[in-house]
Amino acid sequence: MTVGPCAAAVKTGYGLARPLIITGGWCYVWPCVQQCQLLDLRVMTLDVRSPSVYTKQGVPITVVSTAQVKISA
């Protein structure tokens, strides 16, 4: 399996004590005894904070949130 620069491969199965993570390269997977799954690295987690937000009725609130953004190519 070949892995590009924006992805990682997670290889598991026979002969591996723990999962092997491959980025920007290749790996051989033995059919039926090992697995390899791709993980996209173009997902970013952003912390969004707005300390002075007013509701429609004029009540001040503080907004703290987390967003996950995926970049499409």
Protein backbone atom coordinates (compact mmCIF):
# COMPACT_ATOMS: atom_id res chain seq x y z
CA MET A 1 0.00 0.00 0.00
CA THR A 2 1.29 3.47 -0.91
CA VAL A 3 0.61 6.44 1.38
CA GLY A 4 0.64 10.05 0.16
CA PRO A 5 1.83 13.13 2.07
CA CYS A 6 -1.67 14.01 3.37
CA ALA A 7 -2.47 10.58 4.79
CA ALA A 8 -1.19 7.91 7.16
CA ALA A 9 -1.58 4.14 7.04
CA VAL A 10 -2.18 2.11 10.19
CA LYS A 11 -1.00 -1.49 9.78
CA THR A 12 -2.14 -4.17 12.24
CA GLY A 13 -2.18 -7.94 12.45
CA TYR A 14 0.17 -10.93 12.52
CA GLY A 15 3.80 -10.18 13.34
CA LEU A 16 3.15 -6.76 14.89
CA ALA A 17 3.15 -6.25 18.67
CA ARG A 18 1.45 -2.86 18.26
CA PRO A 19 0.04 -0.94 15.28
CA LEU A 20 2.57 0.42 12.78
CA ILE A 21 1.92 3.95 11.47
CA ILE A 22 3.34 4.83 8.05
CA THR A 23 3.33 8.40 6.69
CA GLY A 24 4.53 9.37 3.24
CA GLY A 25 5.78 5.96 2.11
CA TRP A 26 4.67 2.39 1.47
CA CYS A 27 4.20 -0.90 3.26
CA TYR A 28 3.52 -4.51 2.32
CA VAL A 29 0.44 -6.15 3.83
CA TRP A 30 0.15 -9.94 4.00
CA PRO A 31 -3.31 -10.83 2.69
CA CYS A 32 -5.68 -12.48 5.22
CA VAL A 33 -3.35 -12.00 8.24
CA GLN A 34 -2.72 -8.23 8.29
CA GLN A 35 -4.87 -5.14 7.76
CA CYS A 36 -4.06 -1.64 6.65
CA GLN A 37 -6.39 1.34 7.03
CA LEU A 38 -5.89 4.88 5.71
CA LEU A 39 -6.22 7.90 7.97
CA ASP A 40 -6.71 11.32 6.35
CA LEU A 41 -4.49 13.99 7.92
CA ARG A 42 -6.34 16.96 6.40
CA VAL A 43 -8.69 17.28 9.39
CA MET A 44 -7.88 20.14 11.77
CA THR A 45 -9.34 20.83 15.22
CA LEU A 46 -9.94 24.49 16.03
CA ASP A 47 -10.81 26.04 19.40
CA VAL A 48 -13.26 28.90 18.85
CA ARG A 49 -13.77 31.47 21.62
CA SER A 50 -15.96 34.56 21.58
CA PRO A 51 -15.85 36.36 24.95
CA SER A 52 -18.40 39.12 24.18
CA VAL A 53 -21.38 37.76 22.28
CA TYR A 54 -24.84 39.26 22.72
CA THR A 55 -28.06 37.36 22.16
CA LYS A 56 -31.00 38.78 20.22
CA GLN A 57 -32.46 40.03 23.53
CA GLY A 58 -29.19 41.79 24.46
CA VAL A 59 -27.93 39.30 27.06
CA PRO A 60 -24.10 38.99 27.06
CA ILE A 61 -22.78 35.40 26.88
CA THR A 62 -19.40 33.76 26.44
CA VAL A 63 -19.08 31.12 23.71
CA VAL A 64 -16.39 28.42 23.89
CA SER A 65 -16.51 25.65 21.27
CA THR A 66 -14.43 23.17 19.31
CA ALA A 67 -14.76 22.63 15.57
CA GLN A 68 -13.23 19.98 13.34
CA VAL A 69 -12.54 21.20 9.83
CA LYS A 70 -11.73 19.01 6.86
CA ILE A 71 -9.81 20.57 3.99
CA SER A 72 -11.01 19.32 0.61
CA ALA A 73 -8.56 19.26 -2.25
